[in-house]
N, C-alpha and C. Protein backbone atom coordinates (compact mmCIF):
# COMPACT_ATOMS: atom_id res chain seq x y z
N MET A 1 0.90 -1.12 0.01
CA MET A 1 0.10 -0.01 0.00
C MET A 1 0.86 1.19 0.08
N LYS A 2 0.77 1.97 -0.97
CA LYS A 2 1.47 3.33 -1.04
C LYS A 2 0.78 4.47 -0.36
N ILE A 3 1.25 5.25 0.49
CA ILE A 3 0.51 6.37 1.33
C ILE A 3 0.76 7.67 0.36
N ILE A 4 -0.13 8.21 0.02
CA ILE A 4 -0.02 9.37 -0.86
C ILE A 4 -0.73 10.63 -0.18
N GLY A 5 0.22 11.79 0.11
CA GLY A 5 -0.56 12.95 0.41
C GLY A 5 -0.77 13.79 -0.59
N ILE A 6 -2.27 14.22 -0.46
CA ILE A 6 -2.68 15.14 -1.49
C ILE A 6 -2.99 16.55 -0.94
N THR A 7 -2.25 17.33 -1.45
CA THR A 7 -2.39 18.71 -1.06
C THR A 7 -2.72 19.71 -2.21
N GLY A 8 -2.87 20.78 -1.93
CA GLY A 8 -2.99 22.08 -2.98
C GLY A 8 -4.06 23.19 -2.21
N GLY A 9 -3.98 24.13 -3.11
CA GLY A 9 -4.81 25.44 -2.47
C GLY A 9 -6.10 25.15 -2.64
N VAL A 10 -6.71 26.21 -2.02
CA VAL A 10 -8.45 26.22 -1.99
C VAL A 10 -8.68 26.26 -3.62
N GLY A 11 -9.71 25.36 -3.83
CA GLY A 11 -10.21 25.56 -5.20
C GLY A 11 -9.45 24.70 -6.20
N SER A 12 -8.57 23.92 -5.74
CA SER A 12 -7.72 23.35 -6.80
C SER A 12 -8.24 22.07 -7.27
N GLY A 13 -9.06 21.47 -6.42
CA GLY A 13 -9.87 20.10 -6.76
C GLY A 13 -9.23 19.04 -6.22
N LYS A 14 -8.78 18.91 -5.05
CA LYS A 14 -8.30 18.03 -4.34
C LYS A 14 -9.46 16.97 -4.20
N SER A 15 -10.84 17.24 -3.79
CA SER A 15 -11.73 16.36 -3.76
C SER A 15 -12.19 15.47 -4.89
N SER A 16 -12.32 16.41 -6.05
CA SER A 16 -12.43 15.64 -7.33
C SER A 16 -11.34 14.71 -7.70
N ILE A 17 -10.10 15.12 -7.46
CA ILE A 17 -9.02 14.28 -7.75
C ILE A 17 -9.37 12.83 -6.70
N ILE A 18 -9.46 13.13 -5.69
CA ILE A 18 -9.67 11.86 -4.65
C ILE A 18 -10.97 10.86 -5.10
N LYS A 19 -12.05 11.56 -5.34
CA LYS A 19 -13.10 10.73 -5.88
C LYS A 19 -12.84 9.99 -7.23
N ALA A 20 -12.02 10.66 -8.29
CA ALA A 20 -11.79 9.94 -9.45
C ALA A 20 -10.73 8.89 -9.03
N VAL A 21 -9.86 9.10 -8.13
CA VAL A 21 -8.78 8.01 -7.94
C VAL A 21 -9.41 6.99 -7.20
N SER A 22 -10.18 7.14 -6.44
CA SER A 22 -10.95 6.26 -5.67
C SER A 22 -11.95 5.26 -6.38
N GLU A 23 -12.23 5.86 -7.73
CA GLU A 23 -13.14 5.01 -8.33
C GLU A 23 -12.41 4.11 -9.40
N ARG A 24 -10.86 4.25 -9.46
CA ARG A 24 -9.93 3.29 -10.41
C ARG A 24 -9.25 2.62 -9.49
N TYR A 25 -8.80 2.80 -8.39
CA TYR A 25 -7.92 2.16 -7.33
C TYR A 25 -8.46 1.80 -6.17
N ARG A 26 -8.15 0.87 -5.27
CA ARG A 26 -8.56 0.43 -4.19
C ARG A 26 -7.90 1.35 -2.98
N CYS A 27 -8.73 2.27 -2.54
CA CYS A 27 -8.15 3.40 -1.71
C CYS A 27 -8.90 3.47 -0.32
N CYS A 28 -8.04 3.62 0.66
CA CYS A 28 -8.39 4.09 1.96
C CYS A 28 -8.36 5.64 1.90
N ILE A 29 -9.14 6.29 2.29
CA ILE A 29 -9.07 7.72 2.19
C ILE A 29 -9.35 8.60 3.53
N LEU A 30 -8.50 9.13 3.96
CA LEU A 30 -8.69 10.04 5.18
C LEU A 30 -8.39 11.49 4.97
N LEU A 31 -9.41 12.31 5.24
CA LEU A 31 -9.50 13.61 5.11
C LEU A 31 -9.05 14.29 6.34
N ALA A 32 -7.91 14.89 6.32
CA ALA A 32 -7.30 15.37 7.54
C ALA A 32 -8.30 16.19 8.71
N ASP A 33 -9.05 16.88 7.81
CA ASP A 33 -10.17 17.59 8.74
C ASP A 33 -11.25 16.76 9.64
N ASP A 34 -11.34 15.42 9.05
CA ASP A 34 -12.13 14.44 9.79
C ASP A 34 -11.19 14.00 10.99
N ALA A 35 -10.20 13.73 10.63
CA ALA A 35 -9.16 13.13 11.78
C ALA A 35 -9.12 14.43 12.88
N ALA A 36 -9.20 15.68 12.41
CA ALA A 36 -9.03 16.68 13.45
C ALA A 36 -10.12 16.78 14.37
N HIS A 37 -11.28 16.44 13.68
CA HIS A 37 -12.63 16.55 14.31
C HIS A 37 -12.66 15.73 15.61
N ASP A 38 -12.11 14.57 15.63
CA ASP A 38 -12.08 13.70 16.69
C ASP A 38 -11.42 13.95 18.15
N VAL A 39 -10.19 14.87 17.63
CA VAL A 39 -9.29 15.17 18.77
C VAL A 39 -9.99 16.39 19.52
N TYR A 40 -11.15 17.19 19.09
CA TYR A 40 -11.71 18.07 19.84
C TYR A 40 -12.79 17.53 20.74
N LEU A 41 -13.30 16.23 20.58
CA LEU A 41 -14.17 15.71 21.40
C LEU A 41 -13.95 15.61 22.92
N PRO A 42 -15.02 15.70 23.72
CA PRO A 42 -15.04 15.61 25.16
C PRO A 42 -14.28 14.23 25.38
N GLY A 43 -13.61 14.32 26.54
CA GLY A 43 -12.72 12.72 26.67
C GLY A 43 -11.23 12.59 26.06
N ASN A 44 -11.12 13.62 24.89
CA ASN A 44 -9.87 13.46 24.21
C ASN A 44 -8.90 14.47 25.05
N GLN A 45 -7.61 14.01 25.07
CA GLN A 45 -6.65 14.81 25.66
C GLN A 45 -6.70 16.23 25.33
N CYS A 46 -6.86 16.37 23.94
CA CYS A 46 -6.68 17.77 23.34
C CYS A 46 -7.76 18.79 24.03
N TYR A 47 -9.15 18.01 24.20
CA TYR A 47 -10.19 18.71 24.76
C TYR A 47 -9.80 19.34 26.07
N GLU A 48 -9.38 18.68 26.95
CA GLU A 48 -9.02 19.26 28.43
C GLU A 48 -8.07 20.32 28.12
N LYS A 49 -6.93 20.12 27.25
CA LYS A 49 -5.73 21.13 27.25
C LYS A 49 -6.23 22.46 26.60
N LEU A 50 -7.31 22.36 25.71
CA LEU A 50 -7.78 23.55 24.72
C LEU A 50 -8.72 24.43 25.81
N VAL A 51 -9.45 23.68 26.57
CA VAL A 51 -10.35 24.25 27.52
C VAL A 51 -9.36 24.85 28.59
N ARG A 52 -8.52 24.23 28.93
CA ARG A 52 -7.44 24.84 30.07
C ARG A 52 -6.81 26.14 29.49
N LEU A 53 -6.29 26.12 28.17
CA LEU A 53 -5.92 27.02 27.56
C LEU A 53 -6.56 28.35 27.19
N LEU A 54 -7.82 27.97 26.71
CA LEU A 54 -8.64 29.17 26.24
C LEU A 54 -9.90 29.43 26.88
N SER A 55 -10.22 28.54 28.18
CA SER A 55 -11.46 28.73 29.13
C SER A 55 -12.42 28.41 28.43
N LYS A 56 -13.67 27.95 29.30
CA LYS A 56 -14.94 27.40 28.85
C LYS A 56 -15.74 28.34 28.08
N ASP A 57 -15.11 29.63 27.79
CA ASP A 57 -15.75 30.38 26.69
C ASP A 57 -15.89 29.82 25.40
N ILE A 58 -15.12 28.78 25.12
CA ILE A 58 -14.93 28.10 23.85
C ILE A 58 -16.07 26.93 23.57
N LEU A 59 -16.83 26.62 24.71
CA LEU A 59 -17.73 25.53 24.85
C LEU A 59 -19.07 26.00 24.29
N ASP A 60 -19.79 25.19 23.57
CA ASP A 60 -21.25 25.58 23.37
C ASP A 60 -22.27 24.85 24.58
N ASP A 61 -23.42 25.02 24.35
CA ASP A 61 -24.36 24.81 25.73
C ASP A 61 -24.31 23.27 25.90
N SER A 62 -23.86 22.26 24.93
CA SER A 62 -23.73 20.88 25.34
C SER A 62 -22.35 20.53 25.80
N GLY A 63 -21.55 21.66 26.00
CA GLY A 63 -20.07 21.21 26.46
C GLY A 63 -19.15 20.73 25.55
N ASN A 64 -19.34 21.03 24.19
CA ASN A 64 -18.45 20.40 23.11
C ASN A 64 -17.70 21.85 22.72
N ILE A 65 -16.69 21.85 22.28
CA ILE A 65 -15.95 22.83 21.61
C ILE A 65 -16.30 23.32 20.54
N ASP A 66 -16.75 24.67 20.67
CA ASP A 66 -17.26 25.44 19.43
C ASP A 66 -16.34 25.99 18.62
N LYS A 67 -15.92 25.51 17.38
CA LYS A 67 -14.98 25.82 16.82
C LYS A 67 -14.96 27.28 16.30
N LYS A 68 -16.15 27.98 16.13
CA LYS A 68 -16.40 29.25 15.69
C LYS A 68 -16.03 30.09 16.87
N LYS A 69 -16.33 29.71 18.02
CA LYS A 69 -16.05 30.52 19.36
C LYS A 69 -14.56 30.61 19.38
N MET A 70 -13.78 29.22 19.25
CA MET A 70 -12.38 29.05 19.49
C MET A 70 -11.65 30.02 18.41
N SER A 71 -12.11 29.80 17.08
CA SER A 71 -11.23 30.70 16.10
C SER A 71 -11.41 32.19 16.35
N ALA A 72 -12.63 32.65 16.73
CA ALA A 72 -12.91 34.24 17.01
C ALA A 72 -11.84 34.46 18.09
N LEU A 73 -11.44 33.66 19.04
CA LEU A 73 -10.74 33.96 20.28
C LEU A 73 -9.26 33.99 19.90
N ILE A 74 -8.92 33.12 18.91
CA ILE A 74 -7.43 32.87 18.43
C ILE A 74 -7.08 33.87 17.23
N PHE A 75 -8.05 34.31 16.49
CA PHE A 75 -7.74 35.11 15.54
C PHE A 75 -6.92 36.41 15.56
N GLY A 76 -6.18 36.38 14.88
CA GLY A 76 -5.15 37.92 15.16
C GLY A 76 -4.27 37.63 16.12
N ASP A 77 -4.51 36.47 16.95
CA ASP A 77 -3.26 36.50 18.01
C ASP A 77 -2.27 35.20 17.70
N PRO A 78 -1.27 35.48 16.97
CA PRO A 78 -0.54 34.40 16.44
C PRO A 78 0.19 33.42 17.55
N LYS A 79 0.57 34.08 18.78
CA LYS A 79 1.06 33.34 19.90
C LYS A 79 0.14 32.37 20.31
N LEU A 80 -1.17 32.63 20.35
CA LEU A 80 -2.25 31.76 21.03
C LEU A 80 -2.57 30.69 19.84
N LEU A 81 -2.51 31.13 18.76
CA LEU A 81 -2.85 30.24 17.52
C LEU A 81 -1.61 29.19 17.68
N GLU A 82 -0.41 29.63 17.72
CA GLU A 82 0.75 28.70 18.01
C GLU A 82 0.51 27.69 18.96
N LYS A 83 -0.04 28.05 20.15
CA LYS A 83 -0.09 27.35 21.35
C LYS A 83 -1.34 26.21 21.08
N VAL A 84 -2.34 26.82 20.29
CA VAL A 84 -3.42 25.92 19.80
C VAL A 84 -3.07 24.72 19.12
N ASN A 85 -2.10 25.24 18.00
CA ASN A 85 -1.45 24.14 17.04
C ASN A 85 -0.51 23.17 17.77
N ASP A 86 0.02 23.53 18.52
CA ASP A 86 0.99 22.82 19.46
C ASP A 86 0.19 21.68 19.93
N ILE A 87 -0.87 22.06 20.54
CA ILE A 87 -1.89 21.03 21.16
C ILE A 87 -2.45 19.92 20.24
N VAL A 88 -3.06 20.86 19.08
CA VAL A 88 -3.91 19.79 18.20
C VAL A 88 -3.07 19.11 17.15
N HIS A 89 -2.04 19.67 16.62
CA HIS A 89 -1.40 19.01 15.53
C HIS A 89 -0.76 17.60 15.81
N PRO A 90 0.09 17.69 17.07
CA PRO A 90 0.56 16.16 17.36
C PRO A 90 -0.74 15.17 17.44
N ALA A 91 -1.67 15.43 17.99
CA ALA A 91 -2.85 14.74 18.24
C ALA A 91 -3.31 14.13 16.99
N VAL A 92 -3.51 15.20 15.94
CA VAL A 92 -4.17 14.94 14.71
C VAL A 92 -3.07 13.73 14.00
N LYS A 93 -1.85 14.14 14.28
CA LYS A 93 -0.84 13.35 13.47
C LYS A 93 -0.98 11.67 14.15
N ASP A 94 -1.40 11.75 15.28
CA ASP A 94 -1.48 10.46 16.05
C ASP A 94 -2.67 9.68 15.42
N VAL A 95 -3.72 10.38 15.16
CA VAL A 95 -5.03 9.72 14.64
C VAL A 95 -4.59 9.29 13.32
N ILE A 96 -3.93 10.22 12.50
CA ILE A 96 -3.64 9.58 10.84
C ILE A 96 -2.76 8.48 11.02
N LEU A 97 -1.72 8.28 11.77
CA LEU A 97 -0.77 7.35 12.03
C LEU A 97 -1.60 5.96 12.46
N ASN A 98 -2.44 6.18 13.23
CA ASN A 98 -3.42 5.01 13.76
C ASN A 98 -4.15 4.42 12.40
N LYS A 99 -4.74 5.37 11.76
CA LYS A 99 -5.46 5.06 10.53
C LYS A 99 -4.78 4.27 9.40
N ILE A 100 -3.36 4.76 9.20
CA ILE A 100 -2.59 4.31 8.20
C ILE A 100 -2.27 2.73 8.80
N ASN A 101 -1.95 2.66 10.06
CA ASN A 101 -1.67 1.33 10.45
C ASN A 101 -2.84 0.29 10.50
N GLU A 102 -4.08 0.79 10.66
CA GLU A 102 -5.07 -0.01 10.32
C GLU A 102 -5.42 -0.38 9.00
N ALA A 103 -5.07 0.49 8.16
CA ALA A 103 -5.22 0.18 6.61
C ALA A 103 -4.34 -0.62 6.14
N LYS A 104 -2.97 -0.68 6.77
CA LYS A 104 -1.89 -1.50 6.60
C LYS A 104 -2.40 -3.08 6.94
N LYS A 105 -2.88 -3.07 8.20
CA LYS A 105 -3.12 -4.56 8.70
C LYS A 105 -4.24 -4.90 7.93
N ALA A 106 -5.27 -4.21 7.47
CA ALA A 106 -6.41 -4.70 6.72
C ALA A 106 -5.81 -5.45 5.27
N GLY A 107 -4.79 -4.80 4.98
CA GLY A 107 -4.03 -5.22 3.54
C GLY A 107 -5.09 -5.26 2.41
N ASP A 108 -6.04 -4.52 2.19
CA ASP A 108 -6.91 -4.50 1.20
C ASP A 108 -6.84 -3.36 0.23
N PHE A 109 -5.81 -2.37 0.49
CA PHE A 109 -5.59 -1.08 -0.25
C PHE A 109 -4.54 -1.03 -0.93
N GLU A 110 -4.54 -0.52 -2.35
CA GLU A 110 -3.29 0.03 -2.98
C GLU A 110 -2.79 1.21 -2.72
N LEU A 111 -3.87 1.98 -2.39
CA LEU A 111 -3.31 3.59 -1.96
C LEU A 111 -4.10 3.88 -0.71
N PHE A 112 -3.26 4.57 0.19
CA PHE A 112 -3.93 5.41 1.20
C PHE A 112 -3.68 6.95 0.93
N LEU A 113 -4.92 7.43 0.83
CA LEU A 113 -4.94 8.98 0.38
C LEU A 113 -5.30 9.79 1.69
N LEU A 114 -4.30 10.59 1.78
CA LEU A 114 -4.40 11.60 2.86
C LEU A 114 -4.44 12.97 2.33
N GLU A 115 -5.75 13.61 2.78
CA GLU A 115 -5.75 15.02 2.02
C GLU A 115 -5.96 16.12 3.04
N ALA A 116 -5.13 17.14 2.84
CA ALA A 116 -5.13 18.26 3.60
C ALA A 116 -4.60 19.42 2.94
N ALA A 117 -5.11 20.64 3.27
CA ALA A 117 -4.41 21.76 2.52
C ALA A 117 -2.94 22.25 3.19
N LEU A 118 -2.79 21.50 4.63
CA LEU A 118 -1.52 21.86 5.34
C LEU A 118 -0.50 20.84 5.39
N LEU A 119 -0.62 19.85 4.61
CA LEU A 119 0.14 18.75 4.77
C LEU A 119 1.70 19.06 4.77
N ILE A 120 2.34 19.86 3.93
CA ILE A 120 3.58 20.25 3.76
C ILE A 120 4.08 21.36 4.94
N GLU A 121 3.21 22.00 5.39
CA GLU A 121 3.43 23.06 6.39
C GLU A 121 3.64 22.17 7.81
N CYS A 122 2.76 21.21 7.80
CA CYS A 122 2.61 20.52 9.14
C CYS A 122 3.78 19.19 9.09
N GLY A 123 4.76 19.21 8.03
CA GLY A 123 5.73 18.14 8.17
C GLY A 123 5.19 16.71 8.06
N TYR A 124 4.22 16.40 7.18
CA TYR A 124 3.77 15.22 6.66
C TYR A 124 4.55 14.47 5.66
N ASN A 125 5.49 15.07 5.03
CA ASN A 125 6.50 14.54 4.16
C ASN A 125 6.90 13.21 4.64
N ASP A 126 7.24 13.19 6.09
CA ASP A 126 7.86 12.06 6.67
C ASP A 126 7.00 10.76 6.91
N ILE A 127 5.64 11.09 6.61
CA ILE A 127 4.69 9.94 6.86
C ILE A 127 4.22 9.48 5.52
N VAL A 128 4.27 10.25 4.60
CA VAL A 128 3.71 9.93 3.26
C VAL A 128 4.77 9.50 2.42
N ASP A 129 4.58 8.36 1.60
CA ASP A 129 5.53 7.82 0.45
C ASP A 129 5.63 8.80 -0.68
N GLU A 130 4.73 9.52 -1.02
CA GLU A 130 4.66 10.55 -2.12
C GLU A 130 3.76 11.71 -1.62
N MET A 131 4.06 12.86 -2.00
CA MET A 131 3.26 14.11 -1.91
C MET A 131 2.89 14.45 -3.22
N TRP A 132 1.60 14.71 -3.27
CA TRP A 132 1.02 14.98 -4.80
C TRP A 132 0.35 16.52 -4.58
N TYR A 133 0.85 17.42 -5.47
CA TYR A 133 0.20 18.67 -5.41
C TYR A 133 -0.73 18.76 -6.34
N VAL A 134 -2.05 19.18 -6.23
CA VAL A 134 -3.09 19.22 -7.15
C VAL A 134 -3.01 20.89 -7.39
N TYR A 135 -2.61 21.23 -8.70
CA TYR A 135 -2.47 22.42 -9.21
C TYR A 135 -3.49 22.84 -10.03
N ALA A 136 -4.01 24.00 -9.81
CA ALA A 136 -4.96 24.58 -10.94
C ALA A 136 -4.59 26.18 -10.94
N SER A 137 -4.78 26.92 -11.77
CA SER A 137 -4.40 28.19 -12.10
C SER A 137 -5.37 28.97 -11.26
N VAL A 138 -4.88 30.28 -10.66
CA VAL A 138 -5.71 31.08 -9.92
C VAL A 138 -6.97 31.54 -10.53
N ASN A 139 -7.09 31.57 -11.96
CA ASN A 139 -8.33 32.05 -12.39
C ASN A 139 -9.28 30.78 -12.25
N VAL A 140 -8.71 29.49 -12.51
CA VAL A 140 -9.64 28.58 -12.51
C VAL A 140 -10.10 28.32 -11.12
N ARG A 141 -9.35 28.41 -10.03
CA ARG A 141 -9.51 28.14 -8.73
C ARG A 141 -10.75 29.32 -8.45
N THR A 142 -10.57 30.47 -8.84
CA THR A 142 -11.44 31.54 -8.46
C THR A 142 -12.67 31.21 -9.20
N ALA A 143 -12.85 30.85 -10.13
CA ALA A 143 -14.06 30.56 -10.96
C ALA A 143 -14.90 29.25 -10.17
N ARG A 144 -14.16 28.46 -9.79
CA ARG A 144 -14.68 27.23 -9.10
C ARG A 144 -15.15 27.70 -7.58
N LEU A 145 -14.46 28.55 -6.86
CA LEU A 145 -15.05 28.83 -5.62
C LEU A 145 -16.03 29.84 -5.66
N ARG A 146 -16.23 30.84 -6.78
CA ARG A 146 -17.24 31.47 -6.82
C ARG A 146 -18.58 30.79 -7.32
N SER A 147 -18.48 29.81 -8.18
CA SER A 147 -19.75 29.07 -8.54
C SER A 147 -20.03 27.92 -7.47
N SER A 148 -19.13 27.22 -6.94
CA SER A 148 -19.46 26.10 -5.89
C SER A 148 -19.86 26.58 -4.61
N ARG A 149 -18.83 27.40 -4.13
CA ARG A 149 -19.20 27.96 -2.76
C ARG A 149 -19.62 29.28 -2.52
N GLY A 150 -19.69 29.92 -3.50
CA GLY A 150 -20.47 31.29 -3.56
C GLY A 150 -19.68 32.28 -2.79
N TYR A 151 -18.06 31.98 -2.93
CA TYR A 151 -17.29 33.05 -2.25
C TYR A 151 -17.12 34.34 -2.88
N THR A 152 -16.88 35.22 -2.22
CA THR A 152 -16.61 36.54 -2.85
C THR A 152 -15.09 36.68 -3.25
N ASP A 153 -14.81 37.77 -4.08
CA ASP A 153 -13.44 37.86 -4.62
C ASP A 153 -12.54 38.04 -3.26
N ASP A 154 -13.06 38.87 -2.57
CA ASP A 154 -12.21 39.25 -1.24
C ASP A 154 -11.77 38.09 -0.50
N LYS A 155 -12.81 37.36 -0.27
CA LYS A 155 -12.77 36.13 0.65
C LYS A 155 -11.61 35.10 -0.12
N ILE A 156 -11.82 34.83 -1.20
CA ILE A 156 -11.03 33.97 -2.02
C ILE A 156 -9.60 34.48 -2.02
N ARG A 157 -9.42 35.75 -2.26
CA ARG A 157 -8.04 36.50 -2.10
C ARG A 157 -7.29 36.17 -0.82
N SER A 158 -8.24 36.46 0.16
CA SER A 158 -7.93 36.49 1.68
C SER A 158 -7.28 34.86 1.88
N ILE A 159 -8.19 33.95 1.66
CA ILE A 159 -7.58 32.45 1.80
C ILE A 159 -6.60 32.18 0.96
N MET A 160 -6.50 32.48 -0.17
CA MET A 160 -5.15 32.13 -1.06
C MET A 160 -3.84 32.83 -0.57
N GLN A 161 -4.03 34.08 -0.03
CA GLN A 161 -2.86 34.59 0.56
C GLN A 161 -2.40 33.88 1.82
N SER A 162 -3.39 33.14 2.68
CA SER A 162 -3.00 32.59 3.94
C SER A 162 -2.30 31.29 3.45
N GLN A 163 -2.37 30.69 2.34
CA GLN A 163 -1.88 29.34 2.02
C GLN A 163 -0.57 29.51 1.38
N LEU A 164 0.20 28.42 1.19
CA LEU A 164 1.55 28.58 0.54
C LEU A 164 1.32 28.83 -0.96
N GLY A 165 2.56 29.46 -1.50
CA GLY A 165 2.58 29.85 -2.74
C GLY A 165 2.80 28.70 -3.71
N GLU A 166 2.54 28.69 -4.96
CA GLU A 166 2.69 27.60 -5.72
C GLU A 166 3.98 27.07 -5.88
N SER A 167 5.14 27.91 -5.85
CA SER A 167 6.65 27.40 -5.75
C SER A 167 6.91 26.61 -4.58
N GLU A 168 6.22 27.12 -3.33
CA GLU A 168 6.36 26.31 -2.04
C GLU A 168 5.86 24.91 -2.17
N TYR A 169 4.45 24.90 -2.81
CA TYR A 169 3.94 23.54 -2.93
C TYR A 169 4.80 22.63 -3.78
N ILE A 170 5.16 23.19 -4.96
CA ILE A 170 6.09 22.37 -5.99
C ILE A 170 7.16 21.85 -5.17
N LYS A 171 7.97 22.71 -4.47
CA LYS A 171 9.16 22.28 -3.98
C LYS A 171 9.14 21.27 -2.75
N GLY A 172 7.73 21.33 -2.18
CA GLY A 172 7.46 20.20 -1.08
C GLY A 172 6.82 18.84 -1.77
N SER A 173 6.59 18.97 -2.97
CA SER A 173 5.74 17.73 -3.56
C SER A 173 6.78 16.62 -4.43
N ASP A 174 6.39 15.77 -4.48
CA ASP A 174 6.82 14.61 -5.30
C ASP A 174 6.31 14.49 -6.97
N PHE A 175 5.00 15.06 -7.10
CA PHE A 175 4.28 14.95 -8.36
C PHE A 175 3.28 15.97 -8.38
N VAL A 176 3.27 16.78 -9.40
CA VAL A 176 2.30 17.87 -9.54
C VAL A 176 1.19 17.44 -10.65
N ILE A 177 -0.05 17.47 -10.13
CA ILE A 177 -1.26 17.16 -11.06
C ILE A 177 -1.70 18.60 -11.47
N ASP A 178 -1.71 18.68 -12.98
CA ASP A 178 -2.29 19.89 -13.24
C ASP A 178 -3.99 19.83 -13.58
N ASN A 179 -4.46 20.25 -12.49
CA ASN A 179 -6.04 20.04 -12.57
C ASN A 179 -6.79 21.35 -13.05
N SER A 180 -6.14 22.12 -13.99
CA SER A 180 -6.90 23.28 -14.61
C SER A 180 -8.02 22.76 -15.85
N HIS A 181 -7.81 21.60 -16.03
CA HIS A 181 -8.60 21.18 -17.28
C HIS A 181 -9.71 20.03 -16.88
N SER A 182 -9.85 19.14 -17.74
CA SER A 182 -10.79 18.05 -17.21
C SER A 182 -10.31 17.04 -16.26
N ILE A 183 -11.10 16.47 -15.32
CA ILE A 183 -10.99 15.40 -14.57
C ILE A 183 -10.13 14.24 -15.20
N ASP A 184 -10.53 13.96 -16.72
CA ASP A 184 -10.06 12.79 -17.49
C ASP A 184 -8.50 13.14 -17.54
N ASN A 185 -8.33 14.54 -17.90
CA ASN A 185 -6.92 14.80 -18.10
C ASN A 185 -6.10 14.46 -16.91
N SER A 186 -6.59 15.01 -15.83
CA SER A 186 -5.94 14.79 -14.39
C SER A 186 -5.65 13.30 -14.29
N ILE A 187 -6.77 12.39 -14.45
CA ILE A 187 -6.64 11.01 -14.15
C ILE A 187 -5.39 10.41 -15.13
N MET A 188 -5.22 10.92 -16.33
CA MET A 188 -4.32 10.37 -17.28
C MET A 188 -3.07 10.64 -16.75
N GLN A 189 -2.89 11.84 -16.13
CA GLN A 189 -1.50 12.12 -15.56
C GLN A 189 -1.22 11.18 -14.16
N ILE A 190 -2.40 10.81 -13.44
CA ILE A 190 -2.03 10.02 -12.33
C ILE A 190 -1.69 8.53 -12.75
N GLU A 191 -2.50 8.22 -13.84
CA GLU A 191 -2.39 6.60 -14.33
C GLU A 191 -0.98 6.44 -14.80
N LYS A 192 -0.35 7.62 -15.38
CA LYS A 192 1.05 7.48 -15.92
C LYS A 192 2.13 7.21 -14.59
N ARG A 193 1.52 7.96 -13.37
CA ARG A 193 2.36 7.90 -12.18
C ARG A 193 2.33 6.59 -11.63
N VAL A 194 1.02 6.12 -11.50
CA VAL A 194 0.69 5.01 -10.58
C VAL A 194 0.74 3.75 -11.54
N GLY A 195 0.35 3.82 -12.76
CA GLY A 195 0.20 2.64 -13.45
C GLY A 195 -1.17 2.25 -13.50
N ARG A 196 -1.43 1.36 -14.67
CA ARG A 196 -2.80 0.81 -14.89
C ARG A 196 -3.10 1.09 -16.19
């Protein structure tokens, strides 16, 4: 089983690539956002640490961490954000490593696809066999985000500026998929890389 990290900027089409790959290969898929969701739940060690750091003001009426409240509290405070990341990122990495080990034991998969926008920034190159960067031009990404998510140009610009630049993605990746055109074109590139 080959472990593939799939990364790319917002609107590049990571989800479409994952769906298309999973239709052609036996894949185990893990979205890092799903792995991160578990670490915020009550009873998890992150939950206690985050409440201790940020106070009970981040909890909703049910006692769960409200991510919007948490984001509002740490927005614009780089030191606090760093403290939160120091709590959350190692726990998410543990969840991901456990899922990879479970998939290896199952022995049913050709590929393990791990998707996240921040794979390179968070040092996941040491976990994956290959890092794939899903590229699409800024114009294509902007058009996709306007039509699929209804984002304004200001919101799109703000998100894009907060992410790695194209050259940094390329430098941290083993394989670049040009996803500016049809999904069939992207799959042809992947099949040349993986075989089939």
